[in-house]
Protein backbone atom coordinates (compact mmCIF):
# COMPACT_ATOMS: atom_id res chain seq x y z
CA UNK A 1 0.00 0.00 0.00
CA UNK A 2 1.28 3.44 -0.85
CA UNK A 3 -0.53 6.68 -0.02
CA UNK A 4 -3.60 4.66 1.02
CA UNK A 5 -3.70 2.91 -2.38
CA UNK A 6 -2.89 -0.65 -3.23
CA UNK A 7 0.16 -1.04 -5.43
CA UNK A 8 0.56 -4.20 -7.53
CA UNK A 9 3.50 -6.40 -6.56
CA UNK A 10 5.68 -7.58 -9.42
CA UNK A 11 7.11 -11.11 -9.21
CA UNK A 12 10.83 -11.42 -8.52
CA UNK A 13 13.27 -13.39 -10.70
CA UNK A 14 11.97 -16.71 -9.31
CA UNK A 15 8.33 -15.80 -9.90
CA UNK A 16 7.66 -15.22 -6.19
CA UNK A 17 5.72 -12.26 -4.87
CA UNK A 18 7.56 -10.59 -2.00
CA UNK A 19 5.74 -8.71 0.75
CA UNK A 20 8.08 -6.48 2.71
CA UNK A 21 5.21 -5.60 5.08
CA UNK A 22 4.70 -9.27 6.03
CA UNK A 23 8.35 -10.30 5.48
CA UNK A 24 7.10 -13.18 3.31
CA UNK A 25 7.57 -14.46 -0.18
CA UNK A 26 4.69 -16.27 -1.86
CA UNK A 27 4.84 -18.79 -4.70
CA UNK A 28 2.47 -21.09 -6.51
CA UNK A 29 3.60 -24.70 -6.13
CA UNK A 30 1.51 -27.45 -7.70
CA UNK A 31 -1.40 -25.01 -7.95
CA UNK A 32 -1.28 -24.03 -4.26
CA UNK A 33 -0.05 -20.81 -2.68
CA UNK A 34 2.95 -21.47 -0.43
CA UNK A 35 4.28 -18.71 1.82
CA UNK A 36 7.90 -18.57 2.95
CA UNK A 37 9.54 -16.69 5.80
CA UNK A 38 12.01 -14.40 4.04
CA UNK A 39 14.59 -14.61 6.86
CA UNK A 40 14.71 -18.40 7.15
CA UNK A 41 13.40 -19.42 3.70
CA UNK A 42 11.24 -21.99 5.55
CA UNK A 43 7.68 -22.54 4.33
CA UNK A 44 4.96 -21.42 6.71
CA UNK A 45 2.67 -24.25 7.75
CA UNK A 46 -1.04 -23.91 7.19
CA UNK A 47 -3.18 -24.45 10.30
CA UNK A 48 -3.96 -28.08 9.46
CA UNK A 49 -0.29 -28.81 8.73
CA UNK A 50 0.75 -27.16 12.00
CA UNK A 51 -1.85 -29.17 13.92
CA UNK A 52 -0.67 -32.40 12.28
CA UNK A 53 2.98 -31.60 13.08
CA UNK A 54 2.08 -30.83 16.72
CA UNK A 55 0.11 -34.08 17.01
CA UNK A 56 2.95 -36.12 15.51
CA UNK A 57 5.42 -34.45 17.86
CA UNK A 58 3.16 -35.14 20.83
CA UNK A 59 2.71 -38.78 19.83
CA UNK A 60 6.44 -39.16 19.26
CA UNK A 61 7.09 -37.85 22.76
CA UNK A 62 4.83 -40.55 24.25
CA UNK A 63 6.49 -43.50 22.55
CA UNK A 64 8.38 -45.83 24.91
CA UNK A 65 12.11 -45.22 24.79
CA UNK A 66 14.39 -48.18 24.17
CA UNK A 67 17.08 -48.80 26.75
CA UNK A 68 20.71 -49.54 25.97
CA UNK A 69 20.09 -53.31 25.82
CA UNK A 70 17.17 -52.99 23.38
CA UNK A 71 14.32 -53.52 25.85
CA UNK A 72 11.71 -50.84 26.19
CA UNK A 73 11.63 -48.55 29.18
CA UNK A 74 8.15 -47.41 30.18
PDB file of N, CA and C in Angstrom:
ATOM      1  N   UNK A   1       0.841  -1.165   0.000  1.00  0.00           N
ATOM      2  CA  UNK A   1       0.000   0.000   0.000  1.00  0.00           C
ATOM      3  C   UNK A   1       0.894   1.239   0.000  1.00  0.00           C
ATOM      4  N   UNK A   2       0.521   2.198  -0.779  1.00  0.00           N
ATOM      5  CA  UNK A   2       1.282   3.437  -0.845  1.00  0.00           C
ATOM      6  C   UNK A   2       0.293   4.590  -0.942  1.00  0.00           C
ATOM      7  N   UNK A   3       0.401   5.548  -0.040  1.00  0.00           N
ATOM      8  CA  UNK A   3      -0.527   6.683  -0.016  1.00  0.00           C
ATOM      9  C   UNK A   3      -1.976   6.216   0.004  1.00  0.00           C
ATOM     10  N   UNK A   4      -2.251   5.195   0.861  1.00  0.00           N
ATOM     11  CA  UNK A   4      -3.604   4.657   1.019  1.00  0.00           C
ATOM     12  C   UNK A   4      -4.157   4.003  -0.244  1.00  0.00           C
ATOM     13  N   UNK A   5      -3.280   3.609  -1.161  1.00  0.00           N
ATOM     14  CA  UNK A   5      -3.701   2.914  -2.378  1.00  0.00           C
ATOM     15  C   UNK A   5      -2.914   1.621  -2.486  1.00  0.00           C
ATOM     16  N   UNK A   6      -3.582   0.613  -2.996  1.00  0.00           N
ATOM     17  CA  UNK A   6      -2.888  -0.649  -3.231  1.00  0.00           C
ATOM     18  C   UNK A   6      -1.998  -0.533  -4.453  1.00  0.00           C
ATOM     19  N   UNK A   7      -0.802  -1.056  -4.334  1.00  0.00           N
ATOM     20  CA  UNK A   7       0.163  -1.037  -5.426  1.00  0.00           C
ATOM     21  C   UNK A   7       0.433  -2.488  -5.820  1.00  0.00           C
ATOM     22  N   UNK A   8       0.293  -2.819  -7.107  1.00  0.00           N
ATOM     23  CA  UNK A   8       0.559  -4.199  -7.526  1.00  0.00           C
ATOM     24  C   UNK A   8       1.999  -4.601  -7.212  1.00  0.00           C
ATOM     25  N   UNK A   9       2.170  -5.862  -6.835  1.00  0.00           N
ATOM     26  CA  UNK A   9       3.500  -6.398  -6.555  1.00  0.00           C
ATOM     27  C   UNK A   9       3.953  -7.179  -7.776  1.00  0.00           C
ATOM     28  N   UNK A  10       5.115  -6.859  -8.275  1.00  0.00           N
ATOM     29  CA  UNK A  10       5.678  -7.576  -9.419  1.00  0.00           C
ATOM     30  C   UNK A  10       6.455  -8.793  -8.926  1.00  0.00           C
ATOM     31  N   UNK A  11       6.345  -9.928  -9.612  1.00  0.00           N
ATOM     32  CA  UNK A  11       7.114 -11.113  -9.210  1.00  0.00           C
ATOM     33  C   UNK A  11       8.616 -10.862  -9.323  1.00  0.00           C
ATOM     34  N   UNK A  12       9.377 -11.528  -8.436  1.00  0.00           N
ATOM     35  CA  UNK A  12      10.834 -11.424  -8.518  1.00  0.00           C
ATOM     36  C   UNK A  12      11.352 -12.381  -9.596  1.00  0.00           C
ATOM     37  N   UNK A  13      12.660 -12.557  -9.661  1.00  0.00           N
ATOM     38  CA  UNK A  13      13.275 -13.394 -10.700  1.00  0.00           C
ATOM     39  C   UNK A  13      12.829 -14.852 -10.645  1.00  0.00           C
ATOM     40  N   UNK A  14      12.411 -15.312  -9.458  1.00  0.00           N
ATOM     41  CA  UNK A  14      11.970 -16.707  -9.311  1.00  0.00           C
ATOM     42  C   UNK A  14      10.474 -16.868  -9.513  1.00  0.00           C
ATOM     43  N   UNK A  15       9.778 -15.756  -9.730  1.00  0.00           N
ATOM     44  CA  UNK A  15       8.329 -15.801  -9.898  1.00  0.00           C
ATOM     45  C   UNK A  15       7.570 -15.610  -8.598  1.00  0.00           C
ATOM     46  N   UNK A  16       8.300 -15.406  -7.499  1.00  0.00           N
ATOM     47  CA  UNK A  16       7.660 -15.219  -6.194  1.00  0.00           C
ATOM     48  C   UNK A  16       7.222 -13.771  -6.029  1.00  0.00           C
ATOM     49  N   UNK A  17       6.150 -13.591  -5.279  1.00  0.00           N
ATOM     50  CA  UNK A  17       5.722 -12.261  -4.871  1.00  0.00           C
ATOM     51  C   UNK A  17       6.280 -12.028  -3.476  1.00  0.00           C
ATOM     52  N   UNK A  18       6.923 -10.887  -3.280  1.00  0.00           N
ATOM     53  CA  UNK A  18       7.556 -10.587  -1.999  1.00  0.00           C
ATOM     54  C   UNK A  18       6.779  -9.476  -1.316  1.00  0.00           C
ATOM     55  N   UNK A  19       6.397  -9.727  -0.064  1.00  0.00           N
ATOM     56  CA  UNK A  19       5.739  -8.712   0.747  1.00  0.00           C
ATOM     57  C   UNK A  19       6.711  -8.257   1.822  1.00  0.00           C
ATOM     58  N   UNK A  20       7.178  -7.025   1.697  1.00  0.00           N
ATOM     59  CA  UNK A  20       8.078  -6.480   2.710  1.00  0.00           C
ATOM     60  C   UNK A  20       7.320  -6.215   4.003  1.00  0.00           C
ATOM     61  N   UNK A  21       6.040  -5.849   3.900  1.00  0.00           N
ATOM     62  CA  UNK A  21       5.209  -5.601   5.085  1.00  0.00           C
ATOM     63  C   UNK A  21       5.103  -6.849   5.944  1.00  0.00           C
ATOM     64  N   UNK A  22       4.885  -8.005   5.307  1.00  0.00           N
ATOM     65  CA  UNK A  22       4.703  -9.269   6.026  1.00  0.00           C
ATOM     66  C   UNK A  22       6.003 -10.047   6.188  1.00  0.00           C
ATOM     67  N   UNK A  23       7.058  -9.612   5.498  1.00  0.00           N
ATOM     68  CA  UNK A  23       8.352 -10.302   5.482  1.00  0.00           C
ATOM     69  C   UNK A  23       8.191 -11.737   4.984  1.00  0.00           C
ATOM     70  N   UNK A  24       7.396 -11.880   3.910  1.00  0.00           N
ATOM     71  CA  UNK A  24       7.105 -13.178   3.306  1.00  0.00           C
ATOM     72  C   UNK A  24       7.368 -13.139   1.817  1.00  0.00           C
ATOM     73  N   UNK A  25       7.640 -14.308   1.263  1.00  0.00           N
ATOM     74  CA  UNK A  25       7.571 -14.464  -0.184  1.00  0.00           C
ATOM     75  C   UNK A  25       6.510 -15.519  -0.440  1.00  0.00           C
ATOM     76  N   UNK A  26       5.802 -15.378  -1.538  1.00  0.00           N
ATOM     77  CA  UNK A  26       4.689 -16.268  -1.857  1.00  0.00           C
ATOM     78  C   UNK A  26       4.871 -16.815  -3.260  1.00  0.00           C
ATOM     79  N   UNK A  27       4.686 -18.135  -3.395  1.00  0.00           N
ATOM     80  CA  UNK A  27       4.836 -18.795  -4.695  1.00  0.00           C
ATOM     81  C   UNK A  27       3.720 -19.797  -4.900  1.00  0.00           C
ATOM     82  N   UNK A  28       3.381 -20.001  -6.164  1.00  0.00           N
ATOM     83  CA  UNK A  28       2.472 -21.088  -6.505  1.00  0.00           C
ATOM     84  C   UNK A  28       3.296 -22.345  -6.706  1.00  0.00           C
ATOM     85  N   UNK A  29       2.931 -23.406  -5.993  1.00  0.00           N
ATOM     86  CA  UNK A  29       3.601 -24.699  -6.134  1.00  0.00           C
ATOM     87  C   UNK A  29       2.522 -25.758  -6.285  1.00  0.00           C
ATOM     88  N   UNK A  30       2.526 -26.436  -7.405  1.00  0.00           N
ATOM     89  CA  UNK A  30       1.508 -27.451  -7.697  1.00  0.00           C
ATOM     90  C   UNK A  30       0.105 -26.888  -7.539  1.00  0.00           C
ATOM     91  N   UNK A  31      -0.083 -25.639  -7.974  1.00  0.00           N
ATOM     92  CA  UNK A  31      -1.398 -25.009  -7.948  1.00  0.00           C
ATOM     93  C   UNK A  31      -1.825 -24.481  -6.587  1.00  0.00           C
ATOM     94  N   UNK A  32      -0.946 -24.527  -5.589  1.00  0.00           N
ATOM     95  CA  UNK A  32      -1.280 -24.028  -4.259  1.00  0.00           C
ATOM     96  C   UNK A  32      -0.327 -22.907  -3.866  1.00  0.00           C
ATOM     97  N   UNK A  33      -0.859 -21.926  -3.161  1.00  0.00           N
ATOM     98  CA  UNK A  33      -0.051 -20.814  -2.683  1.00  0.00           C
ATOM     99  C   UNK A  33       0.749 -21.261  -1.468  1.00  0.00           C
ATOM    100  N   UNK A  34       2.065 -21.119  -1.546  1.00  0.00           N
ATOM    101  CA  UNK A  34       2.949 -21.469  -0.435  1.00  0.00           C
ATOM    102  C   UNK A  34       3.673 -20.196  -0.016  1.00  0.00           C
ATOM    103  N   UNK A  35       3.628 -19.903   1.288  1.00  0.00           N
ATOM    104  CA  UNK A  35       4.278 -18.711   1.817  1.00  0.00           C
ATOM    105  C   UNK A  35       5.555 -19.105   2.543  1.00  0.00           C
ATOM    106  N   UNK A  36       6.591 -18.309   2.359  1.00  0.00           N
ATOM    107  CA  UNK A  36       7.898 -18.574   2.954  1.00  0.00           C
ATOM    108  C   UNK A  36       8.326 -17.401   3.817  1.00  0.00           C
ATOM    109  N   UNK A  37       8.925 -17.702   4.956  1.00  0.00           N
ATOM    110  CA  UNK A  37       9.542 -16.690   5.796  1.00  0.00           C
ATOM    111  C   UNK A  37      10.781 -16.198   5.051  1.00  0.00           C
ATOM    112  N   UNK A  38      10.890 -14.921   4.826  1.00  0.00           N
ATOM    113  CA  UNK A  38      12.015 -14.396   4.042  1.00  0.00           C
ATOM    114  C   UNK A  38      13.342 -14.515   4.778  1.00  0.00           C
ATOM    115  N   UNK A  39      13.330 -14.524   6.103  1.00  0.00           N
ATOM    116  CA  UNK A  39      14.587 -14.612   6.857  1.00  0.00           C
ATOM    117  C   UNK A  39      15.142 -16.026   6.882  1.00  0.00           C
ATOM    118  N   UNK A  40      14.243 -17.016   7.013  1.00  0.00           N
ATOM    119  CA  UNK A  40      14.706 -18.401   7.148  1.00  0.00           C
ATOM    120  C   UNK A  40      14.542 -19.210   5.870  1.00  0.00           C
ATOM    121  N   UNK A  41      13.752 -18.711   4.934  1.00  0.00           N
ATOM    122  CA  UNK A  41      13.396 -19.423   3.697  1.00  0.00           C
ATOM    123  C   UNK A  41      12.579 -20.686   3.968  1.00  0.00           C
ATOM    124  N   UNK A  42      12.078 -20.841   5.190  1.00  0.00           N
ATOM    125  CA  UNK A  42      11.245 -21.992   5.545  1.00  0.00           C
ATOM    126  C   UNK A  42       9.798 -21.715   5.155  1.00  0.00           C
ATOM    127  N   UNK A  43       9.101 -22.734   4.639  1.00  0.00           N
ATOM    128  CA  UNK A  43       7.684 -22.536   4.328  1.00  0.00           C
ATOM    129  C   UNK A  43       6.876 -22.393   5.615  1.00  0.00           C
ATOM    130  N   UNK A  44       5.857 -21.559   5.568  1.00  0.00           N
ATOM    131  CA  UNK A  44       4.959 -21.421   6.709  1.00  0.00           C
ATOM    132  C   UNK A  44       3.919 -22.525   6.619  1.00  0.00           C
ATOM    133  N   UNK A  45       3.649 -23.170   7.733  1.00  0.00           N
ATOM    134  CA  UNK A  45       2.668 -24.249   7.748  1.00  0.00           C
ATOM    135  C   UNK A  45       1.265 -23.669   7.829  1.00  0.00           C
ATOM    136  N   UNK A  46       0.361 -24.279   7.078  1.00  0.00           N
ATOM    137  CA  UNK A  46      -1.039 -23.908   7.191  1.00  0.00           C
ATOM    138  C   UNK A  46      -1.539 -24.481   8.512  1.00  0.00           C
ATOM    139  N   UNK A  47      -2.681 -24.024   8.991  1.00  0.00           N
ATOM    140  CA  UNK A  47      -3.178 -24.449  10.302  1.00  0.00           C
ATOM    141  C   UNK A  47      -3.284 -25.971  10.412  1.00  0.00           C
ATOM    142  N   UNK A  48      -3.811 -26.623   9.392  1.00  0.00           N
ATOM    143  CA  UNK A  48      -3.961 -28.082   9.459  1.00  0.00           C
ATOM    144  C   UNK A  48      -2.601 -28.773   9.478  1.00  0.00           C
ATOM    145  N   UNK A  49      -1.640 -28.237   8.733  1.00  0.00           N
ATOM    146  CA  UNK A  49      -0.292 -28.810   8.735  1.00  0.00           C
ATOM    147  C   UNK A  49       0.372 -28.615  10.097  1.00  0.00           C
ATOM    148  N   UNK A  50       0.177 -27.449  10.688  1.00  0.00           N
ATOM    149  CA  UNK A  50       0.754 -27.162  12.000  1.00  0.00           C
ATOM    150  C   UNK A  50       0.133 -28.072  13.057  1.00  0.00           C
ATOM    151  N   UNK A  51      -1.185 -28.279  12.972  1.00  0.00           N
ATOM    152  CA  UNK A  51      -1.853 -29.173  13.917  1.00  0.00           C
ATOM    153  C   UNK A  51      -1.332 -30.597  13.767  1.00  0.00           C
ATOM    154  N   UNK A  52      -1.171 -31.051  12.526  1.00  0.00           N
ATOM    155  CA  UNK A  52      -0.673 -32.404  12.280  1.00  0.00           C
ATOM    156  C   UNK A  52       0.755 -32.551  12.824  1.00  0.00           C
ATOM    157  N   UNK A  53       1.596 -31.547  12.594  1.00  0.00           N
ATOM    158  CA  UNK A  53       2.977 -31.596  13.084  1.00  0.00           C
ATOM    159  C   UNK A  53       3.002 -31.624  14.612  1.00  0.00           C
ATOM    160  N   UNK A  54       2.133 -30.845  15.256  1.00  0.00           N
ATOM    161  CA  UNK A  54       2.075 -30.832  16.720  1.00  0.00           C
ATOM    162  C   UNK A  54       1.608 -32.182  17.249  1.00  0.00           C
ATOM    163  N   UNK A  55       0.611 -32.775  16.595  1.00  0.00           N
ATOM    164  CA  UNK A  55       0.106 -34.080  17.014  1.00  0.00           C
ATOM    165  C   UNK A  55       1.179 -35.150  16.859  1.00  0.00           C
ATOM    166  N   UNK A  56       1.881 -35.139  15.729  1.00  0.00           N
ATOM    167  CA  UNK A  56       2.950 -36.115  15.509  1.00  0.00           C
ATOM    168  C   UNK A  56       4.060 -35.946  16.543  1.00  0.00           C
ATOM    169  N   UNK A  57       4.388 -34.716  16.860  1.00  0.00           N
ATOM    170  CA  UNK A  57       5.421 -34.446  17.856  1.00  0.00           C
ATOM    171  C   UNK A  57       4.973 -34.940  19.230  1.00  0.00           C
ATOM    172  N   UNK A  58       3.710 -34.691  19.551  1.00  0.00           N
ATOM    173  CA  UNK A  58       3.164 -35.136  20.833  1.00  0.00           C
ATOM    174  C   UNK A  58       3.161 -36.659  20.917  1.00  0.00           C
ATOM    175  N   UNK A  59       2.736 -37.316  19.847  1.00  0.00           N
ATOM    176  CA  UNK A  59       2.707 -38.777  19.830  1.00  0.00           C
ATOM    177  C   UNK A  59       4.121 -39.339  19.915  1.00  0.00           C
ATOM    178  N   UNK A  60       5.045 -38.704  19.236  1.00  0.00           N
ATOM    179  CA  UNK A  60       6.438 -39.159  19.262  1.00  0.00           C
ATOM    180  C   UNK A  60       6.997 -39.069  20.679  1.00  0.00           C
ATOM    181  N   UNK A  61       6.620 -38.033  21.394  1.00  0.00           N
ATOM    182  CA  UNK A  61       7.091 -37.853  22.762  1.00  0.00           C
ATOM    183  C   UNK A  61       6.553 -38.900  23.720  1.00  0.00           C
ATOM    184  N   UNK A  62       5.438 -39.545  23.386  1.00  0.00           N
ATOM    185  CA  UNK A  62       4.830 -40.550  24.254  1.00  0.00           C
ATOM    186  C   UNK A  62       5.318 -41.961  23.968  1.00  0.00           C
ATOM    187  N   UNK A  63       6.038 -42.163  22.890  1.00  0.00           N
ATOM    188  CA  UNK A  63       6.492 -43.503  22.553  1.00  0.00           C
ATOM    189  C   UNK A  63       7.476 -43.998  23.604  1.00  0.00           C
ATOM    190  N   UNK A  64       7.400 -45.289  23.954  1.00  0.00           N
ATOM    191  CA  UNK A  64       8.377 -45.831  24.908  1.00  0.00           C
ATOM    192  C   UNK A  64       9.786 -45.702  24.351  1.00  0.00           C
ATOM    193  N   UNK A  65      10.721 -45.400  25.221  1.00  0.00           N
ATOM    194  CA  UNK A  65      12.106 -45.216  24.791  1.00  0.00           C
ATOM    195  C   UNK A  65      12.874 -46.514  24.992  1.00  0.00           C
ATOM    196  N   UNK A  66      13.604 -46.967  23.980  1.00  0.00           N
ATOM    197  CA  UNK A  66      14.393 -48.183  24.165  1.00  0.00           C
ATOM    198  C   UNK A  66      15.566 -47.910  25.096  1.00  0.00           C
ATOM    199  N   UNK A  67      15.920 -48.930  25.870  1.00  0.00           N
ATOM    200  CA  UNK A  67      17.083 -48.800  26.748  1.00  0.00           C
ATOM    201  C   UNK A  67      18.320 -49.214  25.976  1.00  0.00           C
ATOM    202  N   UNK A  68      19.449 -49.185  26.620  1.00  0.00           N
ATOM    203  CA  UNK A  68      20.708 -49.539  25.965  1.00  0.00           C
ATOM    204  C   UNK A  68      20.735 -50.988  25.485  1.00  0.00           C
ATOM    205  N   UNK A  69      20.041 -51.897  26.214  1.00  0.00           N
ATOM    206  CA  UNK A  69      20.089 -53.306  25.820  1.00  0.00           C
ATOM    207  C   UNK A  69      18.968 -53.697  24.862  1.00  0.00           C
ATOM    208  N   UNK A  70      18.203 -52.720  24.378  1.00  0.00           N
ATOM    209  CA  UNK A  70      17.175 -52.986  23.376  1.00  0.00           C
ATOM    210  C   UNK A  70      15.792 -53.229  23.941  1.00  0.00           C
ATOM    211  N   UNK A  71      15.654 -53.377  25.272  1.00  0.00           N
ATOM    212  CA  UNK A  71      14.322 -53.524  25.847  1.00  0.00           C
ATOM    213  C   UNK A  71      13.707 -52.152  26.014  1.00  0.00           C
ATOM    214  N   UNK A  72      12.380 -52.125  26.084  1.00  0.00           N
ATOM    215  CA  UNK A  72      11.706 -50.837  26.193  1.00  0.00           C
ATOM    216  C   UNK A  72      11.578 -50.415  27.641  1.00  0.00           C
ATOM    217  N   UNK A  73      11.798 -49.146  27.865  1.00  0.00           N
ATOM    218  CA  UNK A  73      11.632 -48.553  29.181  1.00  0.00           C
ATOM    219  C   UNK A  73      10.316 -47.823  29.166  1.00  0.00           C
ATOM    220  N   UNK A  74       9.456 -48.077  30.142  1.00  0.00           N
ATOM    221  CA  UNK A  74       8.147 -47.410  30.180  1.00  0.00           C
ATOM    222  C   UNK A  74       8.090 -46.379  31.265  1.00  0.00           C
TER     223      UNK A  74
END
